[in-house]
C-alpha atoms as a PDB file:
ATOM      1  CA  MET A   1      44.562-151.323-113.100  1.00  0.00           C
ATOM      2  CA  ARG A   2      47.172-151.037-115.876  1.00  0.00           C
ATOM      3  CA  GLY A   3      48.687-154.132-117.480  1.00  0.00           C
ATOM      4  CA  LEU A   4      52.073-155.064-118.893  1.00  0.00           C
ATOM      5  CA  VAL A   5      51.209-153.125-122.028  1.00  0.00           C
ATOM      6  CA  LEU A   6      50.914-149.476-121.024  1.00  0.00           C
ATOM      7  CA  GLU A   7      47.361-148.191-120.731  1.00  0.00           C
ATOM      8  CA  LEU A   8      45.871-151.657-121.401  1.00  0.00           C
ATOM      9  CA  ASP A   9      43.099-152.727-119.082  1.00  0.00           C
ATOM     10  CA  SER A  10      41.906-156.307-118.968  1.00  0.00           C
ATOM     11  CA  PRO A  11      38.580-156.634-120.770  1.00  0.00           C
ATOM     12  CA  HIS A  12      37.712-159.541-118.440  1.00  0.00           C
ATOM     13  CA  PRO A  13      38.919-158.801-114.873  1.00  0.00           C
ATOM     14  CA  LEU A  14      39.137-162.057-112.924  1.00  0.00           C
ATOM     15  CA  GLY A  15      38.331-160.577-109.496  1.00  0.00           C
ATOM     16  CA  GLU A  16      34.836-159.566-110.639  1.00  0.00           C
ATOM     17  CA  ARG A  17      34.053-163.143-111.649  1.00  0.00           C
ATOM     18  CA  LEU A  18      34.809-164.684-108.256  1.00  0.00           C
ATOM     19  CA  PRO A  19      32.136-165.518-105.695  1.00  0.00           C
ATOM     20  CA  ALA A  20      31.100-162.610-103.433  1.00  0.00           C
ATOM     21  CA  LEU A  21      33.139-164.012-100.529  1.00  0.00           C
ATOM     22  CA  PHE A  22      36.403-163.586-102.524  1.00  0.00           C
ATOM     23  CA  GLN A  23      35.407-160.243-104.036  1.00  0.00           C
ATOM     24  CA  GLU A  24      35.693-158.710-100.571  1.00  0.00           C
ATOM     25  CA  ASP A  25      39.098-160.295 -99.816  1.00  0.00           C
ATOM     26  CA  GLY A  26      41.912-157.794-100.507  1.00  0.00           C
ATOM     27  CA  PHE A  27      44.621-160.443-100.960  1.00  0.00           C
ATOM     28  CA  VAL A  28      42.567-162.373-103.530  1.00  0.00           C
ATOM     29  CA  GLN A  29      41.785-159.157-105.411  1.00  0.00           C
ATOM     30  CA  GLN A  30      45.503-158.240-105.541  1.00  0.00           C
ATOM     31  CA  LEU A  31      46.388-161.730-106.748  1.00  0.00           C
ATOM     32  CA  THR A  32      43.771-161.705-109.509  1.00  0.00           C
ATOM     33  CA  SER A  33      44.721-158.168-110.550  1.00  0.00           C
ATOM     34  CA  ALA A  34      48.298-159.387-111.102  1.00  0.00           C
ATOM     35  CA  LEU A  35      46.919-162.142-113.321  1.00  0.00           C
ATOM     36  CA  ASP A  36      44.793-159.542-115.132  1.00  0.00           C
ATOM     37  CA  GLU A  37      47.978-157.636-116.022  1.00  0.00           C
ATOM     38  CA  VAL A  38      49.516-160.754-117.545  1.00  0.00           C
ATOM     39  CA  LEU A  39      46.381-161.919-119.358  1.00  0.00           C
ATOM     40  CA  ALA A  40      45.206-158.536-120.724  1.00  0.00           C
ATOM     41  CA  PRO A  41      47.433-158.661-123.871  1.00  0.00           C
ATOM     42  CA  VAL A  42      46.302-162.244-124.540  1.00  0.00           C
ATOM     43  CA  PHE A  43      42.613-161.349-124.293  1.00  0.00           C
ATOM     44  CA  VAL A  44      43.020-158.274-126.483  1.00  0.00           C
ATOM     45  CA  SER A  45      44.958-160.250-129.101  1.00  0.00           C
ATOM     46  CA  LEU A  46      42.310-162.970-129.197  1.00  0.00           C
ATOM     47  CA  ASP A  47      39.496-160.417-129.363  1.00  0.00           C
ATOM     48  CA  ASN A  48      41.208-158.835-132.399  1.00  0.00           C
ATOM     49  CA  LEU A  49      42.370-162.034-134.112  1.00  0.00           C
ATOM     50  CA  PRO A  50      40.424-161.406-137.353  1.00  0.00           C
ATOM     51  CA  ALA A  51      42.254-158.082-137.768  1.00  0.00           C
ATOM     52  CA  TYR A  52      45.620-159.821-137.366  1.00  0.00           C
ATOM     53  CA  LEU A  53      44.743-162.239-140.187  1.00  0.00           C
ATOM     54  CA  ASP A  54      43.652-159.515-142.633  1.00  0.00           C
ATOM     55  CA  PRO A  55      46.625-158.108-144.612  1.00  0.00           C
ATOM     56  CA  ASP A  56      44.900-154.724-144.865  1.00  0.00           C
ATOM     57  CA  LEU A  57      44.424-154.418-141.083  1.00  0.00           C
ATOM     58  CA  ALA A  58      47.297-156.372-139.545  1.00  0.00           C
ATOM     59  CA  PRO A  59      50.045-154.472-137.736  1.00  0.00           C
ATOM     60  CA  VAL A  60      53.050-153.789-139.978  1.00  0.00           C
ATOM     61  CA  ASP A  61      55.342-156.015-137.925  1.00  0.00           C
ATOM     62  CA  PHE A  62      52.864-158.885-138.413  1.00  0.00           C
ATOM     63  CA  LEU A  63      52.885-158.730-142.245  1.00  0.00           C
ATOM     64  CA  GLY A  64      56.049-160.831-142.510  1.00  0.00           C
ATOM     65  CA  TRP A  65      54.405-163.607-140.519  1.00  0.00           C
ATOM     66  CA  LEU A  66      51.288-163.469-142.721  1.00  0.00           C
ATOM     67  CA  ALA A  67      53.498-163.510-145.822  1.00  0.00           C
ATOM     68  CA  GLY A  68      55.100-166.711-144.537  1.00  0.00           C
ATOM     69  CA  TRP A  69      51.665-168.304-144.250  1.00  0.00           C
ATOM     70  CA  VAL A  70      50.960-167.695-147.945  1.00  0.00           C
ATOM     71  CA  GLY A  71      54.514-168.436-149.114  1.00  0.00           C
ATOM     72  CA  VAL A  72      55.484-164.907-150.133  1.00  0.00           C
ATOM     73  CA  GLY A  73      58.855-163.293-149.497  1.00  0.00           C
ATOM     74  CA  LEU A  74      58.568-159.592-148.672  1.00  0.00           C
ATOM     75  CA  ASP A  75      61.265-157.024-149.256  1.00  0.00           C
ATOM     76  CA  GLU A  76      61.529-154.825-146.167  1.00  0.00           C
ATOM     77  CA  ASN A  77      62.556-151.908-148.409  1.00  0.00           C
ATOM     78  CA  TRP A  78      59.158-151.896-150.117  1.00  0.00           C
ATOM     79  CA  PRO A  79      56.479-149.404-149.117  1.00  0.00           C
ATOM     80  CA  GLU A  80      53.962-150.799-146.674  1.00  0.00           C
ATOM     81  CA  ALA A  81      51.108-150.561-149.207  1.00  0.00           C
ATOM     82  CA  ARG A  82      52.960-152.767-151.704  1.00  0.00           C
ATOM     83  CA  GLN A  83      53.721-155.369-149.021  1.00  0.00           C
ATOM     84  CA  ARG A  84      50.065-155.476-147.971  1.00  0.00           C
ATOM     85  CA  GLU A  85      48.892-155.789-151.577  1.00  0.00           C
ATOM     86  CA  LEU A  86      51.251-158.677-152.315  1.00  0.00           C
ATOM     87  CA  VAL A  87      50.175-160.604-149.220  1.00  0.00           C
ATOM     88  CA  SER A  88      46.479-160.036-149.917  1.00  0.00           C
ATOM     89  CA  ARG A  89      46.786-161.104-153.581  1.00  0.00           C
ATOM     90  CA  ALA A  90      49.141-164.057-153.033  1.00  0.00           C
ATOM     91  CA  ALA A  91      46.470-166.771-153.002  1.00  0.00           C
ATOM     92  CA  ASP A  92      44.965-165.542-156.268  1.00  0.00           C
ATOM     93  CA  LEU A  93      48.395-165.315-157.883  1.00  0.00           C
ATOM     94  CA  TYR A  94      49.263-168.865-156.802  1.00  0.00           C
ATOM     95  CA  ARG A  95      45.952-170.135-158.139  1.00  0.00           C
ATOM     96  CA  ARG A  96      46.982-168.889-161.593  1.00  0.00           C
ATOM     97  CA  ARG A  97      50.670-169.753-161.154  1.00  0.00           C
ATOM     98  CA  GLY A  98      52.495-170.737-164.333  1.00  0.00           C
ATOM     99  CA  THR A  99      50.482-168.404-166.563  1.00  0.00           C
ATOM    100  CA  VAL A 100      51.848-165.325-168.277  1.00  0.00           C
ATOM    101  CA  PHE A 101      49.105-163.197-166.703  1.00  0.00           C
ATOM    102  CA  ALA A 102      49.941-164.222-163.124  1.00  0.00           C
ATOM    103  CA  LEU A 103      53.666-163.785-163.780  1.00  0.00           C
ATOM    104  CA  ALA A 104      53.077-160.283-165.169  1.00  0.00           C
ATOM    105  CA  GLU A 105      50.975-159.319-162.117  1.00  0.00           C
ATOM    106  CA  GLN A 106      53.550-160.672-159.696  1.00  0.00           C
ATOM    107  CA  ILE A 107      56.407-158.845-161.426  1.00  0.00           C
ATOM    108  CA  ALA A 108      54.349-155.632-161.516  1.00  0.00           C
ATOM    109  CA  LEU A 109      53.772-155.923-157.761  1.00  0.00           C
ATOM    110  CA  TYR A 110      57.471-156.536-157.196  1.00  0.00           C
ATOM    111  CA  THR A 111      58.875-153.812-159.464  1.00  0.00           C
ATOM    112  CA  GLY A 112      56.019-151.307-159.674  1.00  0.00           C
ATOM    113  CA  SER A 113      56.226-151.521-163.468  1.00  0.00           C
ATOM    114  CA  THR A 114      54.230-153.598-165.955  1.00  0.00           C
ATOM    115  CA  PRO A 115      56.640-156.040-167.629  1.00  0.00           C
ATOM    116  CA  GLU A 116      56.823-157.120-171.242  1.00  0.00           C
ATOM    117  CA  ILE A 117      56.731-160.910-171.394  1.00  0.00           C
ATOM    118  CA  GLU A 118      57.697-162.807-174.500  1.00  0.00           C
ATOM    119  CA  ASP A 119      56.497-166.408-174.312  1.00  0.00           C
ATOM    120  CA  SER A 120      57.317-168.943-177.007  1.00  0.00           C
ATOM    121  CA  GLY A 121      53.886-170.527-176.633  1.00  0.00           C
ATOM    122  CA  GLY A 122      53.944-173.611-174.452  1.00  0.00           C
ATOM    123  CA  VAL A 123      50.640-174.784-175.871  1.00  0.00           C
ATOM    124  CA  ALA A 124      50.388-174.951-179.634  1.00  0.00           C
ATOM    125  CA  SER A 125      47.226-175.236-181.664  1.00  0.00           C
ATOM    126  CA  SER A 126      46.060-174.274-185.101  1.00  0.00           C
ATOM    127  CA  PRO A 127      42.662-172.977-186.197  1.00  0.00           C
ATOM    128  CA  THR A 128      42.815-175.215-189.288  1.00  0.00           C
ATOM    129  CA  PRO A 129      43.491-178.962-189.313  1.00  0.00           C
ATOM    130  CA  GLY A 130      47.003-179.726-190.519  1.00  0.00           C
ATOM    131  CA  GLY A 131      47.954-176.012-190.424  1.00  0.00           C
ATOM    132  CA  THR A 132      51.194-174.579-189.104  1.00  0.00           C
ATOM    133  CA  MET A 133      51.493-174.332-185.376  1.00  0.00           C
ATOM    134  CA  PRO A 134      51.911-170.914-183.714  1.00  0.00           C
ATOM    135  CA  GLY A 135      54.924-170.168-181.564  1.00  0.00           C
ATOM    136  CA  THR A 136      58.219-171.995-181.673  1.00  0.00           C
ATOM    137  CA  GLY A 137      59.017-175.575-180.825  1.00  0.00           C
ATOM    138  CA  ASP A 138      61.474-174.641-178.076  1.00  0.00           C
ATOM    139  CA  PRO A 139      59.996-173.365-174.810  1.00  0.00           C
ATOM    140  CA  ARG A 140      61.416-169.962-173.871  1.00  0.00           C
ATOM    141  CA  LEU A 141      60.446-167.000-171.714  1.00  0.00           C
ATOM    142  CA  VAL A 142      61.878-163.473-171.866  1.00  0.00           C
ATOM    143  CA  VAL A 143      60.854-160.939-169.214  1.00  0.00           C
ATOM    144  CA  ARG A 144      61.636-157.267-169.860  1.00  0.00           C
ATOM    145  CA  VAL A 145      61.132-154.769-167.079  1.00  0.00           C
ATOM    146  CA  ARG A 146      61.545-151.076-167.735  1.00  0.00           C
ATOM    147  CA  VAL A 147      61.945-148.881-164.660  1.00  0.00           C
ATOM    148  CA  SER A 148      63.258-145.338-164.224  1.00  0.00           C
ATOM    149  CA  ASP A 149      66.062-146.572-161.939  1.00  0.00           C
ATOM    150  CA  PRO A 150      67.231-150.087-162.905  1.00  0.00           C
ATOM    151  CA  ASP A 151      69.507-150.173-159.844  1.00  0.00           C
ATOM    152  CA  SER A 152      66.417-150.049-157.615  1.00  0.00           C
ATOM    153  CA  VAL A 153      65.433-153.565-158.757  1.00  0.00           C
ATOM    154  CA  ASP A 154      67.188-156.510-157.131  1.00  0.00           C
ATOM    155  CA  VAL A 155      67.804-158.568-160.293  1.00  0.00           C
ATOM    156  CA  ARG A 156      68.709-161.744-158.368  1.00  0.00           C
ATOM    157  CA  ARG A 157      65.462-161.591-156.459  1.00  0.00           C
ATOM    158  CA  LEU A 158      63.540-160.896-159.688  1.00  0.00           C
ATOM    159  CA  GLU A 159      65.255-163.897-161.316  1.00  0.00           C
ATOM    160  CA  ALA A 160      64.216-166.060-158.363  1.00  0.00           C
ATOM    161  CA  LEU A 161      60.647-164.755-158.559  1.00  0.00           C
ATOM    162  CA  VAL A 162      60.434-165.618-162.283  1.00  0.00           C
ATOM    163  CA  ALA A 163      62.013-169.035-161.701  1.00  0.00           C
ATOM    164  CA  GLU A 164      59.428-169.863-159.018  1.00  0.00           C
ATOM    165  CA  ALA A 165      56.416-168.553-160.957  1.00  0.00           C
ATOM    166  CA  LYS A 166      57.053-170.047-164.411  1.00  0.00           C
ATOM    167  CA  PRO A 167      56.745-173.693-165.458  1.00  0.00           C
ATOM    168  CA  ALA A 168      59.898-175.533-164.371  1.00  0.00           C
ATOM    169  CA  HIS A 169      60.838-176.834-167.835  1.00  0.00           C
ATOM    170  CA  VAL A 170      60.827-173.387-169.483  1.00  0.00           C
ATOM    171  CA  PRO A 171      64.186-171.562-169.570  1.00  0.00           C
ATOM    172  CA  HIS A 172      63.931-167.840-168.920  1.00  0.00           C
ATOM    173  CA  GLN A 173      65.833-164.605-169.339  1.00  0.00           C
ATOM    174  CA  VAL A 174      65.273-161.399-167.341  1.00  0.00           C
ATOM    175  CA  GLU A 175      66.175-157.945-168.661  1.00  0.00           C
ATOM    176  CA  VAL A 176      65.941-154.771-166.563  1.00  0.00           C
ATOM    177  CA  SER A 177      66.430-151.416-168.309  1.00  0.00           C
ATOM    178  CA  LYS A 178      65.256-147.811-168.459  1.00  0.00           C
ATOM    179  CA  PRO A 179      62.094-146.969-170.431  1.00  0.00           C
END
């Protein structure tokens, strides 16, 4: 018996689970086989649920839904491998959110190029008591991305990515250029 999805048999046919009296009844078997056709995709989806929740195994059309679960916006123009990598690394990136290292990783995933990040030094300390503090007093962040084709990078989306990933009180500037 074939289900609503072509070539998909029900892994749990209902007619076989009925008492012997109903297994011999043709009408009951036809009725349960119709239900098997409807339920087969549900059973198969539930049997494969762990694969749907793994960014490396999930169907491509399911990645957007997974990305929504972890709060990541995917660009449909990206290669599939980059989309999967971003979704699978999102939780780790959010755990380190607000750091230069996490920002650099996120930008590298987005652009395919390692950025240069100039941070004014939000935390200041000195190795000697009473010494001069490193960095500047004004918080500032400059992100430079060098790619072979600057037009391939959506600068507005990159700006939004930096704005979301950096501390809110730090002003930023994004520069995209050729190497």
